[in-house]
Amino acid sequence: MPRWDVEDLQVMARPYAYAMRSEKPKLPENVDWESLSEMEQGRLALAIANWIMTELEHRKD
């Protein structure tokens, strides 16, 4: 992901930005990180970050 253009990152992150405004993200139970493509790793990393942010928000309440 470090070699990606900003526009590529924005396109990949867009679905997560919309999801952050509504429901809780759904993360897969077990995933072999090494078997994922760079794109899939990036998407999963964003989903994990989204989940963490959601959890932190709920703990404030």
N, C-alpha and C. Protein backbone atom coordinates (compact mmCIF):
# COMPACT_ATOMS: atom_id res chain seq x y z
N MET A 1 0.79 -1.20 0.00
CA MET A 1 0.00 0.00 0.00
C MET A 1 0.83 1.28 0.00
N PRO A 2 2.05 1.29 0.55
CA PRO A 2 2.80 2.54 0.55
C PRO A 2 3.09 3.09 -0.84
N ARG A 3 3.09 2.23 -1.85
CA ARG A 3 3.39 2.68 -3.21
C ARG A 3 2.14 3.14 -3.96
N TRP A 4 1.00 3.05 -3.35
CA TRP A 4 -0.24 3.41 -4.03
C TRP A 4 -0.41 4.91 -4.11
N ASP A 5 -1.08 5.36 -5.16
CA ASP A 5 -1.42 6.77 -5.28
C ASP A 5 -2.56 7.10 -4.33
N VAL A 6 -2.66 8.36 -3.98
CA VAL A 6 -3.73 8.82 -3.09
C VAL A 6 -5.10 8.48 -3.67
N GLU A 7 -5.25 8.65 -4.97
CA GLU A 7 -6.54 8.36 -5.61
C GLU A 7 -6.92 6.89 -5.46
N ASP A 8 -5.94 6.00 -5.58
CA ASP A 8 -6.21 4.57 -5.41
C ASP A 8 -6.67 4.27 -3.98
N LEU A 9 -6.01 4.88 -3.01
CA LEU A 9 -6.39 4.67 -1.62
C LEU A 9 -7.79 5.21 -1.34
N GLN A 10 -8.12 6.34 -1.92
CA GLN A 10 -9.45 6.91 -1.73
C GLN A 10 -10.53 6.00 -2.30
N VAL A 11 -10.28 5.45 -3.47
CA VAL A 11 -11.26 4.54 -4.08
C VAL A 11 -11.44 3.30 -3.22
N MET A 12 -10.34 2.76 -2.71
CA MET A 12 -10.42 1.56 -1.89
C MET A 12 -11.09 1.85 -0.55
N ALA A 13 -10.87 3.02 0.01
CA ALA A 13 -11.41 3.35 1.33
C ALA A 13 -12.86 3.82 1.29
N ARG A 14 -13.34 4.22 0.15
CA ARG A 14 -14.70 4.79 0.05
C ARG A 14 -15.77 3.90 0.68
N PRO A 15 -15.81 2.59 0.38
CA PRO A 15 -16.87 1.76 1.01
C PRO A 15 -16.79 1.76 2.53
N TYR A 16 -15.58 1.84 3.08
CA TYR A 16 -15.44 1.86 4.53
C TYR A 16 -15.86 3.20 5.11
N ALA A 17 -15.64 4.26 4.39
CA ALA A 17 -16.10 5.57 4.85
C ALA A 17 -17.62 5.58 4.95
N TYR A 18 -18.29 5.02 3.96
CA TYR A 18 -19.75 4.94 4.02
C TYR A 18 -20.20 4.02 5.15
N ALA A 19 -19.51 2.91 5.32
CA ALA A 19 -19.87 1.96 6.38
C ALA A 19 -19.69 2.56 7.76
N MET A 20 -18.70 3.42 7.91
CA MET A 20 -18.45 4.04 9.21
C MET A 20 -19.60 4.95 9.63
N ARG A 21 -20.39 5.35 8.68
CA ARG A 21 -21.52 6.22 8.99
C ARG A 21 -22.76 5.44 9.38
N SER A 22 -22.75 4.13 9.20
CA SER A 22 -23.97 3.37 9.45
C SER A 22 -23.73 2.20 10.38
N GLU A 23 -23.70 1.00 9.85
CA GLU A 23 -23.67 -0.20 10.68
C GLU A 23 -22.26 -0.62 11.07
N LYS A 24 -22.20 -1.59 12.00
CA LYS A 24 -20.92 -2.14 12.42
C LYS A 24 -20.29 -2.92 11.28
N PRO A 25 -18.97 -2.81 11.13
CA PRO A 25 -18.30 -3.58 10.08
C PRO A 25 -18.29 -5.07 10.41
N LYS A 26 -18.27 -5.89 9.39
CA LYS A 26 -18.21 -7.34 9.57
C LYS A 26 -16.82 -7.82 9.17
N LEU A 27 -16.12 -8.40 10.13
CA LEU A 27 -14.78 -8.91 9.88
C LEU A 27 -14.82 -10.42 9.74
N PRO A 28 -13.98 -10.97 8.87
CA PRO A 28 -13.92 -12.43 8.74
C PRO A 28 -13.34 -13.05 10.01
N GLU A 29 -13.74 -14.27 10.29
CA GLU A 29 -13.27 -14.96 11.49
C GLU A 29 -11.78 -15.30 11.41
N ASN A 30 -11.39 -16.05 10.41
CA ASN A 30 -10.01 -16.50 10.26
C ASN A 30 -9.54 -16.25 8.83
N VAL A 31 -8.43 -15.56 8.71
CA VAL A 31 -7.89 -15.26 7.39
C VAL A 31 -6.37 -15.45 7.44
N ASP A 32 -5.84 -16.18 6.47
CA ASP A 32 -4.39 -16.33 6.34
C ASP A 32 -3.86 -15.10 5.62
N TRP A 33 -3.23 -14.20 6.37
CA TRP A 33 -2.78 -12.92 5.84
C TRP A 33 -1.90 -13.09 4.61
N GLU A 34 -1.00 -14.04 4.64
CA GLU A 34 -0.06 -14.24 3.54
C GLU A 34 -0.74 -14.68 2.24
N SER A 35 -1.90 -15.30 2.36
CA SER A 35 -2.60 -15.76 1.16
C SER A 35 -3.42 -14.65 0.50
N LEU A 36 -3.57 -13.52 1.18
CA LEU A 36 -4.34 -12.40 0.63
C LEU A 36 -3.50 -11.58 -0.33
N SER A 37 -4.15 -11.02 -1.32
CA SER A 37 -3.46 -10.11 -2.23
C SER A 37 -3.20 -8.79 -1.50
N GLU A 38 -2.36 -7.95 -2.07
CA GLU A 38 -2.08 -6.66 -1.46
C GLU A 38 -3.36 -5.84 -1.31
N MET A 39 -4.23 -5.93 -2.29
CA MET A 39 -5.51 -5.21 -2.24
C MET A 39 -6.38 -5.74 -1.10
N GLU A 40 -6.46 -7.07 -0.98
CA GLU A 40 -7.26 -7.67 0.09
C GLU A 40 -6.69 -7.35 1.46
N GLN A 41 -5.37 -7.33 1.58
CA GLN A 41 -4.75 -6.95 2.84
C GLN A 41 -5.09 -5.51 3.21
N GLY A 42 -5.06 -4.64 2.22
CA GLY A 42 -5.41 -3.24 2.45
C GLY A 42 -6.85 -3.09 2.89
N ARG A 43 -7.75 -3.79 2.23
CA ARG A 43 -9.17 -3.72 2.60
C ARG A 43 -9.41 -4.26 4.01
N LEU A 44 -8.75 -5.36 4.32
CA LEU A 44 -8.92 -5.94 5.65
C LEU A 44 -8.33 -5.01 6.71
N ALA A 45 -7.20 -4.40 6.42
CA ALA A 45 -6.60 -3.45 7.37
C ALA A 45 -7.54 -2.28 7.63
N LEU A 46 -8.19 -1.79 6.59
CA LEU A 46 -9.16 -0.70 6.76
C LEU A 46 -10.38 -1.17 7.56
N ALA A 47 -10.83 -2.38 7.31
CA ALA A 47 -11.97 -2.91 8.05
C ALA A 47 -11.62 -3.06 9.53
N ILE A 48 -10.41 -3.50 9.82
CA ILE A 48 -9.97 -3.65 11.21
C ILE A 48 -9.90 -2.28 11.88
N ALA A 49 -9.33 -1.31 11.19
CA ALA A 49 -9.25 0.05 11.73
C ALA A 49 -10.65 0.60 11.99
N ASN A 50 -11.56 0.35 11.09
CA ASN A 50 -12.95 0.79 11.26
C ASN A 50 -13.56 0.14 12.49
N TRP A 51 -13.34 -1.14 12.65
CA TRP A 51 -13.88 -1.86 13.81
C TRP A 51 -13.31 -1.28 15.10
N ILE A 52 -12.02 -1.02 15.13
CA ILE A 52 -11.39 -0.45 16.33
C ILE A 52 -11.99 0.91 16.66
N MET A 53 -12.14 1.75 15.66
CA MET A 53 -12.71 3.09 15.89
C MET A 53 -14.14 2.98 16.41
N THR A 54 -14.91 2.05 15.87
CA THR A 54 -16.29 1.84 16.33
C THR A 54 -16.31 1.39 17.78
N GLU A 55 -15.44 0.44 18.12
CA GLU A 55 -15.37 -0.05 19.50
C GLU A 55 -14.98 1.07 20.47
N LEU A 56 -14.02 1.89 20.09
CA LEU A 56 -13.60 2.99 20.96
C LEU A 56 -14.73 4.00 21.15
N GLU A 57 -15.49 4.26 20.11
CA GLU A 57 -16.64 5.18 20.22
C GLU A 57 -17.67 4.63 21.19
N HIS A 58 -17.95 3.33 21.12
CA HIS A 58 -18.95 2.73 21.99
C HIS A 58 -18.49 2.72 23.45
N ARG A 59 -17.21 2.64 23.67
CA ARG A 59 -16.70 2.63 25.05
C ARG A 59 -16.78 4.00 25.71
N LYS A 60 -16.83 5.04 24.90
CA LYS A 60 -16.99 6.40 25.44
C LYS A 60 -18.37 6.59 26.05
N ASP A 61 -19.36 5.89 25.48
CA ASP A 61 -20.75 6.05 25.92
C ASP A 61 -20.97 5.35 27.19
